[in-house]
């Protein structure tokens, strides 16, 4: 067992459960594994502090791989939903992940607080949804390749229905995207540029601005901006400084 001068509260809880489970029933790996899983869930959800190296110590000292379940990213989703930042950072450290913090993220509900809900800015995690280029995507996995953290997100096709109105068949993916940190920064920049342009729109400059953006002025939708390149957005915003087009 790894030695440390000051163990985190989360580690101490798991160690207590590891050392004392099955005292009244005789040893059972099933009971032990389930207890450890629930202990880690409790440590996360109750808001206990984790040290950065805790996940490595869970593996070394408590056989984490035997009871964590596959995939174990459910613990990361749980930490994000429960707003346990230290647990998020410990999981990221153990998996060599960089946090993907995006805007307008809806996280799953948590048993330890009132719902998950939509957050202005939050870490992407499996099970959350995020607005990307004006479309709502569901995050289905997060992976690390060559040191780059990437979230895979999808939209789904509308489900078929039978004559009674019940959905039938399997849910099929309509579009799939991959989101990395640089793309999030680019998307945030595009949103800011569009907000500036949208704030400057008037009846007088409407047609001219639409032409510069390459948008049909007779059929303008707010989401059309996502089809416009960042370069053009920057040019239009620059033209707005100091004068009205």
C-alpha atoms as a PDB file:
ATOM      1  CA  UNK A   1       0.000   0.000   0.000  1.00  0.00           C
ATOM      2  CA  UNK A   2       1.356   3.416  -0.960  1.00  0.00           C
ATOM      3  CA  UNK A   3       2.452   5.589   1.942  1.00  0.00           C
ATOM      4  CA  UNK A   4       1.579   9.274   2.177  1.00  0.00           C
ATOM      5  CA  UNK A   5       1.897  11.760   4.992  1.00  0.00           C
ATOM      6  CA  UNK A   6      -1.596  13.219   4.635  1.00  0.00           C
ATOM      7  CA  UNK A   7      -4.250  11.202   2.839  1.00  0.00           C
ATOM      8  CA  UNK A   8      -7.182  12.991   1.221  1.00  0.00           C
ATOM      9  CA  UNK A   9     -10.667  12.594   2.747  1.00  0.00           C
ATOM     10  CA  UNK A  10     -11.727  10.621  -0.344  1.00  0.00           C
ATOM     11  CA  UNK A  11      -8.802   8.211   0.031  1.00  0.00           C
ATOM     12  CA  UNK A  12      -9.483   7.749   3.754  1.00  0.00           C
ATOM     13  CA  UNK A  13     -13.124   6.855   3.066  1.00  0.00           C
ATOM     14  CA  UNK A  14     -12.173   4.250   0.475  1.00  0.00           C
ATOM     15  CA  UNK A  15      -9.475   2.830   2.764  1.00  0.00           C
ATOM     16  CA  UNK A  16     -11.969   2.527   5.619  1.00  0.00           C
ATOM     17  CA  UNK A  17     -14.402   0.620   3.401  1.00  0.00           C
ATOM     18  CA  UNK A  18     -11.582  -1.536   1.971  1.00  0.00           C
ATOM     19  CA  UNK A  19     -10.330  -2.467   5.445  1.00  0.00           C
ATOM     20  CA  UNK A  20     -13.689  -3.071   7.100  1.00  0.00           C
ATOM     21  CA  UNK A  21     -16.186  -4.394   4.548  1.00  0.00           C
ATOM     22  CA  UNK A  22     -17.585  -7.909   5.063  1.00  0.00           C
ATOM     23  CA  UNK A  23     -16.717  -7.936   8.792  1.00  0.00           C
ATOM     24  CA  UNK A  24     -20.104  -9.357   9.684  1.00  0.00           C
ATOM     25  CA  UNK A  25     -20.625 -11.616   6.703  1.00  0.00           C
ATOM     26  CA  UNK A  26     -17.335 -13.231   5.854  1.00  0.00           C
ATOM     27  CA  UNK A  27     -15.229 -12.252   2.879  1.00  0.00           C
ATOM     28  CA  UNK A  28     -17.043 -11.722  -0.426  1.00  0.00           C
ATOM     29  CA  UNK A  29     -15.442 -10.162  -3.489  1.00  0.00           C
ATOM     30  CA  UNK A  30     -18.897  -9.294  -4.787  1.00  0.00           C
ATOM     31  CA  UNK A  31     -19.712  -7.380  -1.612  1.00  0.00           C
ATOM     32  CA  UNK A  32     -16.255  -5.791  -1.518  1.00  0.00           C
ATOM     33  CA  UNK A  33     -16.301  -4.637  -5.143  1.00  0.00           C
ATOM     34  CA  UNK A  34     -19.797  -3.210  -4.880  1.00  0.00           C
ATOM     35  CA  UNK A  35     -18.896  -1.450  -1.613  1.00  0.00           C
ATOM     36  CA  UNK A  36     -15.807   0.160  -3.130  1.00  0.00           C
ATOM     37  CA  UNK A  37     -17.779   1.338  -6.159  1.00  0.00           C
ATOM     38  CA  UNK A  38     -20.392   2.924  -3.907  1.00  0.00           C
ATOM     39  CA  UNK A  39     -17.727   4.421  -1.635  1.00  0.00           C
ATOM     40  CA  UNK A  40     -16.080   6.217  -4.562  1.00  0.00           C
ATOM     41  CA  UNK A  41     -19.483   7.412  -5.767  1.00  0.00           C
ATOM     42  CA  UNK A  42     -20.207   8.736  -2.280  1.00  0.00           C
ATOM     43  CA  UNK A  43     -16.836  10.485  -2.028  1.00  0.00           C
ATOM     44  CA  UNK A  44     -17.470  12.253  -5.324  1.00  0.00           C
ATOM     45  CA  UNK A  45     -21.114  13.110  -4.773  1.00  0.00           C
ATOM     46  CA  UNK A  46     -20.720  14.294  -1.196  1.00  0.00           C
ATOM     47  CA  UNK A  47     -18.061  16.758  -2.301  1.00  0.00           C
ATOM     48  CA  UNK A  48     -15.034  15.240  -0.583  1.00  0.00           C
ATOM     49  CA  UNK A  49     -11.589  16.501  -1.549  1.00  0.00           C
ATOM     50  CA  UNK A  50      -9.404  14.316  -3.783  1.00  0.00           C
ATOM     51  CA  UNK A  51      -5.649  14.574  -4.160  1.00  0.00           C
ATOM     52  CA  UNK A  52      -4.248  14.701  -7.667  1.00  0.00           C
ATOM     53  CA  UNK A  53      -2.722  11.221  -7.434  1.00  0.00           C
ATOM     54  CA  UNK A  54      -5.710   9.530  -5.762  1.00  0.00           C
ATOM     55  CA  UNK A  55      -6.869   7.599  -8.820  1.00  0.00           C
ATOM     56  CA  UNK A  56      -3.426   6.039  -9.168  1.00  0.00           C
ATOM     57  CA  UNK A  57      -3.507   5.101  -5.477  1.00  0.00           C
ATOM     58  CA  UNK A  58      -6.979   3.577  -5.840  1.00  0.00           C
ATOM     59  CA  UNK A  59      -5.507   1.276  -8.478  1.00  0.00           C
ATOM     60  CA  UNK A  60      -2.390   0.437  -6.473  1.00  0.00           C
ATOM     61  CA  UNK A  61      -4.023  -0.012  -3.071  1.00  0.00           C
ATOM     62  CA  UNK A  62      -7.644  -1.029  -3.664  1.00  0.00           C
ATOM     63  CA  UNK A  63      -7.715  -2.948  -6.965  1.00  0.00           C
ATOM     64  CA  UNK A  64      -9.633  -0.185  -8.741  1.00  0.00           C
ATOM     65  CA  UNK A  65      -9.712  -2.072 -12.051  1.00  0.00           C
ATOM     66  CA  UNK A  66     -11.741  -4.911 -10.496  1.00  0.00           C
ATOM     67  CA  UNK A  67     -14.661  -2.789  -9.318  1.00  0.00           C
ATOM     68  CA  UNK A  68     -14.709   0.462 -11.307  1.00  0.00           C
ATOM     69  CA  UNK A  69     -16.814  -0.910 -14.159  1.00  0.00           C
ATOM     70  CA  UNK A  70     -16.203  -0.456 -17.870  1.00  0.00           C
ATOM     71  CA  UNK A  71     -15.930   2.225 -19.028  1.00  0.00           C
ATOM     72  CA  UNK A  72     -15.059   4.071 -15.846  1.00  0.00           C
ATOM     73  CA  UNK A  73     -15.781   7.518 -17.330  1.00  0.00           C
ATOM     74  CA  UNK A  74     -19.083   7.403 -15.419  1.00  0.00           C
ATOM     75  CA  UNK A  75     -17.077   8.603 -12.399  1.00  0.00           C
ATOM     76  CA  UNK A  76     -15.885  11.616 -14.384  1.00  0.00           C
ATOM     77  CA  UNK A  77     -19.446  12.413 -15.468  1.00  0.00           C
ATOM     78  CA  UNK A  78     -20.521  12.039 -11.841  1.00  0.00           C
ATOM     79  CA  UNK A  79     -17.771  14.433 -10.706  1.00  0.00           C
ATOM     80  CA  UNK A  80     -18.710  17.041 -13.322  1.00  0.00           C
ATOM     81  CA  UNK A  81     -22.423  16.818 -12.488  1.00  0.00           C
ATOM     82  CA  UNK A  82     -21.756  17.010  -8.736  1.00  0.00           C
ATOM     83  CA  UNK A  83     -19.388  19.992  -9.157  1.00  0.00           C
ATOM     84  CA  UNK A  84     -16.512  18.156  -7.467  1.00  0.00           C
ATOM     85  CA  UNK A  85     -13.587  19.931  -9.100  1.00  0.00           C
ATOM     86  CA  UNK A  86     -10.897  18.027  -7.178  1.00  0.00           C
ATOM     87  CA  UNK A  87     -12.348  14.690  -8.342  1.00  0.00           C
ATOM     88  CA  UNK A  88     -12.426  15.983 -11.935  1.00  0.00           C
ATOM     89  CA  UNK A  89      -8.778  17.008 -11.761  1.00  0.00           C
ATOM     90  CA  UNK A  90      -7.709  13.709 -10.168  1.00  0.00           C
ATOM     91  CA  UNK A  91      -9.460  11.685 -12.883  1.00  0.00           C
ATOM     92  CA  UNK A  92      -7.969  13.891 -15.619  1.00  0.00           C
ATOM     93  CA  UNK A  93      -4.502  13.481 -14.118  1.00  0.00           C
ATOM     94  CA  UNK A  94      -4.817   9.684 -13.988  1.00  0.00           C
ATOM     95  CA  UNK A  95      -5.952   9.515 -17.610  1.00  0.00           C
ATOM     96  CA  UNK A  96      -3.612  12.201 -19.032  1.00  0.00           C
ATOM     97  CA  UNK A  97      -6.655  14.249 -20.038  1.00  0.00           C
ATOM     98  CA  UNK A  98      -6.954  17.977 -20.572  1.00  0.00           C
ATOM     99  CA  UNK A  99     -10.326  19.423 -19.530  1.00  0.00           C
ATOM    100  CA  UNK A 100     -12.529  20.404 -22.460  1.00  0.00           C
ATOM    101  CA  UNK A 101     -14.429  23.380 -21.032  1.00  0.00           C
ATOM    102  CA  UNK A 102     -17.131  24.546 -23.436  1.00  0.00           C
ATOM    103  CA  UNK A 103     -20.061  26.966 -23.341  1.00  0.00           C
ATOM    104  CA  UNK A 104     -23.754  26.104 -22.963  1.00  0.00           C
ATOM    105  CA  UNK A 105     -23.291  22.579 -21.601  1.00  0.00           C
ATOM    106  CA  UNK A 106     -26.131  20.525 -20.134  1.00  0.00           C
ATOM    107  CA  UNK A 107     -24.946  17.850 -17.707  1.00  0.00           C
ATOM    108  CA  UNK A 108     -26.837  14.784 -16.439  1.00  0.00           C
ATOM    109  CA  UNK A 109     -28.618  14.970 -13.116  1.00  0.00           C
ATOM    110  CA  UNK A 110     -26.885  14.063  -9.853  1.00  0.00           C
ATOM    111  CA  UNK A 111     -28.350  12.101  -6.941  1.00  0.00           C
ATOM    112  CA  UNK A 112     -26.484  14.439  -4.602  1.00  0.00           C
ATOM    113  CA  UNK A 113     -27.933  17.755  -5.722  1.00  0.00           C
ATOM    114  CA  UNK A 114     -30.982  19.127  -7.514  1.00  0.00           C
ATOM    115  CA  UNK A 115     -30.502  18.022 -11.093  1.00  0.00           C
ATOM    116  CA  UNK A 116     -27.649  18.719 -13.446  1.00  0.00           C
ATOM    117  CA  UNK A 117     -29.027  21.315 -15.766  1.00  0.00           C
ATOM    118  CA  UNK A 118     -27.680  23.715 -18.319  1.00  0.00           C
ATOM    119  CA  UNK A 119     -24.506  25.537 -17.383  1.00  0.00           C
ATOM    120  CA  UNK A 120     -22.978  28.590 -18.999  1.00  0.00           C
ATOM    121  CA  UNK A 121     -19.524  26.981 -19.040  1.00  0.00           C
ATOM    122  CA  UNK A 122     -18.594  23.447 -18.029  1.00  0.00           C
ATOM    123  CA  UNK A 123     -16.351  20.453 -18.682  1.00  0.00           C
ATOM    124  CA  UNK A 124     -17.506  18.137 -21.446  1.00  0.00           C
ATOM    125  CA  UNK A 125     -18.239  14.633 -20.178  1.00  0.00           C
ATOM    126  CA  UNK A 126     -19.982  11.529 -21.484  1.00  0.00           C
ATOM    127  CA  UNK A 127     -23.744  12.009 -21.278  1.00  0.00           C
ATOM    128  CA  UNK A 128     -23.717  15.798 -21.486  1.00  0.00           C
ATOM    129  CA  UNK A 129     -24.940  17.863 -24.425  1.00  0.00           C
ATOM    130  CA  UNK A 130     -23.407  20.976 -25.940  1.00  0.00           C
ATOM    131  CA  UNK A 131     -24.404  23.573 -28.530  1.00  0.00           C
ATOM    132  CA  UNK A 132     -21.989  23.510 -31.461  1.00  0.00           C
ATOM    133  CA  UNK A 133     -22.444  25.664 -34.533  1.00  0.00           C
ATOM    134  CA  UNK A 134     -26.051  26.241 -33.534  1.00  0.00           C
ATOM    135  CA  UNK A 135     -26.880  22.536 -33.186  1.00  0.00           C
ATOM    136  CA  UNK A 136     -27.302  20.487 -30.007  1.00  0.00           C
ATOM    137  CA  UNK A 137     -24.929  17.498 -29.783  1.00  0.00           C
ATOM    138  CA  UNK A 138     -24.704  14.640 -27.282  1.00  0.00           C
ATOM    139  CA  UNK A 139     -21.208  13.719 -26.080  1.00  0.00           C
ATOM    140  CA  UNK A 140     -20.708   9.951 -26.359  1.00  0.00           C
ATOM    141  CA  UNK A 141     -17.014   9.490 -25.534  1.00  0.00           C
ATOM    142  CA  UNK A 142     -13.823  11.280 -24.541  1.00  0.00           C
ATOM    143  CA  UNK A 143     -10.446   9.940 -25.588  1.00  0.00           C
ATOM    144  CA  UNK A 144      -6.785  10.931 -25.595  1.00  0.00           C
ATOM    145  CA  UNK A 145      -4.581  10.323 -28.619  1.00  0.00           C
ATOM    146  CA  UNK A 146      -1.027  11.606 -29.063  1.00  0.00           C
ATOM    147  CA  UNK A 147      -1.535  13.852 -26.057  1.00  0.00           C
ATOM    148  CA  UNK A 148      -4.662  15.522 -27.460  1.00  0.00           C
ATOM    149  CA  UNK A 149      -7.963  15.180 -25.586  1.00  0.00           C
ATOM    150  CA  UNK A 150     -10.938  14.776 -27.909  1.00  0.00           C
ATOM    151  CA  UNK A 151     -14.678  14.542 -27.276  1.00  0.00           C
ATOM    152  CA  UNK A 152     -16.878  12.703 -29.763  1.00  0.00           C
ATOM    153  CA  UNK A 153     -20.380  14.151 -30.049  1.00  0.00           C
ATOM    154  CA  UNK A 154     -23.345  13.146 -32.213  1.00  0.00           C
ATOM    155  CA  UNK A 155     -26.825  14.078 -33.327  1.00  0.00           C
ATOM    156  CA  UNK A 156     -29.438  11.447 -34.026  1.00  0.00           C
ATOM    157  CA  UNK A 157     -31.905  10.876 -36.816  1.00  0.00           C
ATOM    158  CA  UNK A 158     -35.580  11.081 -35.985  1.00  0.00           C
ATOM    159  CA  UNK A 159     -36.864   7.677 -34.879  1.00  0.00           C
ATOM    160  CA  UNK A 160     -39.408   5.855 -37.031  1.00  0.00           C
ATOM    161  CA  UNK A 161     -42.870   5.249 -35.611  1.00  0.00           C
ATOM    162  CA  UNK A 162     -45.393   2.477 -36.050  1.00  0.00           C
ATOM    163  CA  UNK A 163     -49.086   3.001 -36.783  1.00  0.00           C
ATOM    164  CA  UNK A 164     -49.772   3.516 -33.074  1.00  0.00           C
ATOM    165  CA  UNK A 165     -47.150   6.232 -32.740  1.00  0.00           C
ATOM    166  CA  UNK A 166     -44.582   4.163 -30.853  1.00  0.00           C
ATOM    167  CA  UNK A 167     -40.941   4.511 -31.858  1.00  0.00           C
ATOM    168  CA  UNK A 168     -39.444   1.489 -33.590  1.00  0.00           C
ATOM    169  CA  UNK A 169     -35.991   0.439 -34.709  1.00  0.00           C
ATOM    170  CA  UNK A 170     -32.624   1.509 -33.364  1.00  0.00           C
ATOM    171  CA  UNK A 171     -31.567   5.094 -32.898  1.00  0.00           C
ATOM    172  CA  UNK A 172     -29.241   6.041 -35.762  1.00  0.00           C
ATOM    173  CA  UNK A 173     -26.543   8.690 -35.808  1.00  0.00           C
ATOM    174  CA  UNK A 174     -27.141  11.627 -38.146  1.00  0.00           C
ATOM    175  CA  UNK A 175     -23.867  13.539 -37.683  1.00  0.00           C
ATOM    176  CA  UNK A 176     -20.686  12.967 -35.696  1.00  0.00           C
ATOM    177  CA  UNK A 177     -18.107  15.586 -34.748  1.00  0.00           C
ATOM    178  CA  UNK A 178     -14.892  15.584 -32.720  1.00  0.00           C
ATOM    179  CA  UNK A 179     -14.187  18.476 -30.390  1.00  0.00           C
ATOM    180  CA  UNK A 180     -10.726  19.459 -29.136  1.00  0.00           C
ATOM    181  CA  UNK A 181      -9.579  22.388 -27.019  1.00  0.00           C
ATOM    182  CA  UNK A 182      -8.490  24.528 -29.973  1.00  0.00           C
ATOM    183  CA  UNK A 183     -11.883  24.062 -31.632  1.00  0.00           C
ATOM    184  CA  UNK A 184     -13.656  25.223 -28.458  1.00  0.00           C
ATOM    185  CA  UNK A 185     -11.576  28.408 -28.437  1.00  0.00           C
ATOM    186  CA  UNK A 186     -12.402  28.971 -32.119  1.00  0.00           C
ATOM    187  CA  UNK A 187     -16.107  28.399 -31.527  1.00  0.00           C
ATOM    188  CA  UNK A 188     -16.116  30.820 -28.599  1.00  0.00           C
ATOM    189  CA  UNK A 189     -14.443  33.418 -30.805  1.00  0.00           C
ATOM    190  CA  UNK A 190     -17.050  32.935 -33.547  1.00  0.00           C
ATOM    191  CA  UNK A 191     -19.893  33.395 -31.085  1.00  0.00           C
ATOM    192  CA  UNK A 192     -18.388  36.662 -29.809  1.00  0.00           C
ATOM    193  CA  UNK A 193     -17.958  37.959 -33.356  1.00  0.00           C
ATOM    194  CA  UNK A 194     -21.540  37.094 -34.231  1.00  0.00           C
ATOM    195  CA  UNK A 195     -22.839  38.781 -31.096  1.00  0.00           C
ATOM    196  CA  UNK A 196     -21.105  41.993 -32.151  1.00  0.00           C
ATOM    197  CA  UNK A 197     -22.570  41.779 -35.643  1.00  0.00           C
ATOM    198  CA  UNK A 198     -26.032  40.907 -34.356  1.00  0.00           C
ATOM    199  CA  UNK A 199     -25.938  43.876 -31.965  1.00  0.00           C
ATOM    200  CA  UNK A 200     -25.057  46.185 -34.875  1.00  0.00           C
ATOM    201  CA  UNK A 201     -27.864  44.993 -37.166  1.00  0.00           C
ATOM    202  CA  UNK A 202     -30.426  47.694 -37.984  1.00  0.00           C
ATOM    203  CA  UNK A 203     -33.035  48.181 -40.678  1.00  0.00           C
ATOM    204  CA  UNK A 204     -30.646  50.509 -42.482  1.00  0.00           C
ATOM    205  CA  UNK A 205     -27.584  48.238 -42.588  1.00  0.00           C
ATOM    206  CA  UNK A 206     -29.389  44.888 -42.657  1.00  0.00           C
ATOM    207  CA  UNK A 207     -29.043  44.227 -46.392  1.00  0.00           C
ATOM    208  CA  UNK A 208     -25.436  45.410 -46.608  1.00  0.00           C
ATOM    209  CA  UNK A 209     -24.297  43.326 -43.629  1.00  0.00           C
ATOM    210  CA  UNK A 210     -26.047  40.250 -45.002  1.00  0.00           C
ATOM    211  CA  UNK A 211     -24.295  40.661 -48.336  1.00  0.00           C
ATOM    212  CA  UNK A 212     -20.915  40.900 -46.626  1.00  0.00           C
ATOM    213  CA  UNK A 213     -21.680  37.747 -44.673  1.00  0.00           C
ATOM    214  CA  UNK A 214     -22.890  35.935 -47.774  1.00  0.00           C
ATOM    215  CA  UNK A 215     -26.370  35.475 -46.304  1.00  0.00           C
ATOM    216  CA  UNK A 216     -29.641  35.939 -48.164  1.00  0.00           C
ATOM    217  CA  UNK A 217     -31.136  39.110 -46.590  1.00  0.00           C
ATOM    218  CA  UNK A 218     -34.649  37.904 -47.440  1.00  0.00           C
ATOM    219  CA  UNK A 219     -34.269  34.700 -45.453  1.00  0.00           C
ATOM    220  CA  UNK A 220     -32.031  35.417 -42.474  1.00  0.00           C
ATOM    221  CA  UNK A 221     -31.747  33.037 -39.574  1.00  0.00           C
ATOM    222  CA  UNK A 222     -29.530  33.608 -36.566  1.00  0.00           C
ATOM    223  CA  UNK A 223     -27.892  30.194 -37.030  1.00  0.00           C
ATOM    224  CA  UNK A 224     -26.776  31.046 -40.580  1.00  0.00           C
ATOM    225  CA  UNK A 225     -23.701  32.638 -39.053  1.00  0.00           C
ATOM    226  CA  UNK A 226     -22.314  29.160 -38.452  1.00  0.00           C
ATOM    227  CA  UNK A 227     -21.907  28.706 -42.201  1.00  0.00           C
ATOM    228  CA  UNK A 228     -19.765  31.842 -42.451  1.00  0.00           C
ATOM    229  CA  UNK A 229     -15.994  31.590 -42.111  1.00  0.00           C
ATOM    230  CA  UNK A 230     -14.280  33.152 -39.102  1.00  0.00           C
ATOM    231  CA  UNK A 231     -12.201  35.294 -41.454  1.00  0.00           C
ATOM    232  CA  UNK A 232     -15.292  36.920 -42.983  1.00  0.00           C
ATOM    233  CA  UNK A 233     -16.793  37.481 -39.532  1.00  0.00           C
ATOM    234  CA  UNK A 234     -13.615  39.256 -38.445  1.00  0.00           C
ATOM    235  CA  UNK A 235     -13.645  41.446 -41.561  1.00  0.00           C
ATOM    236  CA  UNK A 236     -17.250  42.475 -40.987  1.00  0.00           C
ATOM    237  CA  UNK A 237     -16.671  43.232 -37.310  1.00  0.00           C
ATOM    238  CA  UNK A 238     -13.586  45.295 -38.222  1.00  0.00           C
ATOM    239  CA  UNK A 239     -15.672  47.298 -40.682  1.00  0.00           C
ATOM    240  CA  UNK A 240     -18.144  48.126 -37.907  1.00  0.00           C
ATOM    241  CA  UNK A 241     -15.547  49.880 -35.782  1.00  0.00           C
ATOM    242  CA  UNK A 242     -15.859  53.611 -36.061  1.00  0.00           C
ATOM    243  CA  UNK A 243     -18.563  53.621 -38.725  1.00  0.00           C
ATOM    244  CA  UNK A 244     -21.836  52.041 -39.736  1.00  0.00           C
ATOM    245  CA  UNK A 245     -21.676  50.083 -42.999  1.00  0.00           C
END
